[in-house]
Amino acid sequence: MVKILFAASEAVPFIKTGGLADVVGSLPKYLNKDEYDVRIILPKYTCMDENLKKMLRFHSHFYVSLGWRKQYAGILVVQYENIIYYFIDNEYYFSGDKPYNNIYEDVEKFAFFSKAVLDALPLLDFCPDIIHCHDWQTGLIPTYLKNYHNKSPFYQNIKTVFTIHNMKFQGRWKLNAVMDVTGLPKRLFMPDTLESYGEANCLKGGILYADIVTTVSPTYAKEIQTREGGEGLDGLMCRRKENLYGILNGIDYEVYNPKTDPHMAKHFETLDFVPGKKANKLALQRLLHLPEDENTFLISIVSRLTEQKGFDLVAYYMDAILSKDKVQFAVLGSGEEKYEKMFYYFSDKYPDKIEVCTNFSEALAHKMYASSDAFLMPSLFEPCGLSQLMAMRYGTIPMVRETGGLKDTVEAYNEYEKTGTGFSFRNYNFDIGEMPNMIHYAMHVYYDDRKSWNDMAIRCMQKNYSWDNSAKEYEKIYDRLLKK
């Protein structure tokens, strides 16, 4: 039995700010339980749901040497959906109303967490063969393991996999400060180690010292080896390319299921897709106070409202689309104030064409995936993307930019061969108009060739982007690392 410990800063259902939590909370359930004993270790945040915190049971405690400090660390444990979860408890680091604060607090917080994960292992009666680390918050685990714990027999056979979910976030802070809070020696803060552009870089530690590096789509694995996509670490990624793998994320097909989803107005399958989609669409229009018309092209956006997600493009072209086209938009998401204000501006100007909700609701997200005709995701960059996969599960056709996982999962429609699962554009620009041209092409197919549109929606539903396929790829990685 191969023992694997997932280490991450978040995982559903305990704490979630983004797609990382979905991955860490879902993937272990799909790995072969006859061959892999997979457990998860997380920080115990005070902002976790109180009902979930009540499930946790105290296991033991110890003290973490972090530079010149000695910090208390408690271990709590719970078994949830047949997966054992461990939690590292320290109220100084993990209190507050959100899991992440500012960079200087977070670097120390996750340096503590990384060191505590390794120090906790002898107390868990579980010595993993592999620690699977996720994003910069756990980048110091491979660093500590290779440079601090490497002389102890207990740790010498532990391997590490490091998964990059988003290259943009690197955990960078002042060299002297990180040297102080981590207690790592000065030799590890040189250009060929953790130093990067005058700062210490936690993500770089994970990439440099992990045995295998993965990221969340094949195309993104190529993009991060380029100057445009490497976020300053493209040279390091090229050095590690022999041990770099791109594996698509999946989604939980039990949670996103048009046959059973409790948030839908009417369940449907491929055979009754058309009446099912219409019923859900009318229900969503009614809920959002949009004119009820089953034939109006309804586009949904469910997203964090950030520059990465392409909302500068949306802001640039939205007025022209709303003023001229027979279209409705349903928008759900929160983020940067300028994008929230932009959407509210258009909602006030075109109240019959766009409705906006900035208070995230999982139930409303499901309704939008199930009810819309199309899903807009024009990302500046996108390591994998989960929302387009969720939309496709319900026969909602994605309209995306060809980048990262969007390029890997959405096949552009070909009207001559009647193939494809969505619409796409290539260049992120403000003069040629590739994004609105894509939207207008999709509207043309929707209004003028509804049979082809419905056939494409059914092809989306028939695609398999569950975790089953992704889990098999990760199993190959684990086996290769252990040379099974």
Foldseek 3Di string as FASTA:
>chain_A
DAEEEEEEAEAPPFADDDDVNQQVPALVVQFDPVVYQYAYEYADAPQTDPVVVVQKDWQAKDWFDFFPDTFIWTWIWHQDPNHIYIYTYDCVLRYDNHRDDDLLSLLLSLLRVLRVVVVCVVSPVGQGLEYEYEALSNLCNLVCLVQPVCVPPSRVRRAYEYEYAALQDWSKDAAVSSCRRRVGDPVQCDPVHQPAPRTGTSNRSNLVRHPAYEYAAQQLLVQCLDPVNVNRCNVSSVVRVVRYYHFHAFGACVQLALQDNPLAPDRDALVCLVVRLLRLQQVLCVVQVADRDSQQAEEEEADAPDVQQPVVQCLLCVVVPLVDHRAAYEYEAYYDPVSVVSLVVVCVVRVNHYGYDHPDDPSVLSSCLQHHQAYEGAGPAGQADDSCLSSLLNLRAYEYECHHNVVVQWFDADPVVLDTQHWYHYDSDNPPPRSVVRVVVVVCCVVPPVVSSSVSSNVSNPDDRHSNVSSVVVVVSVCVVVVD
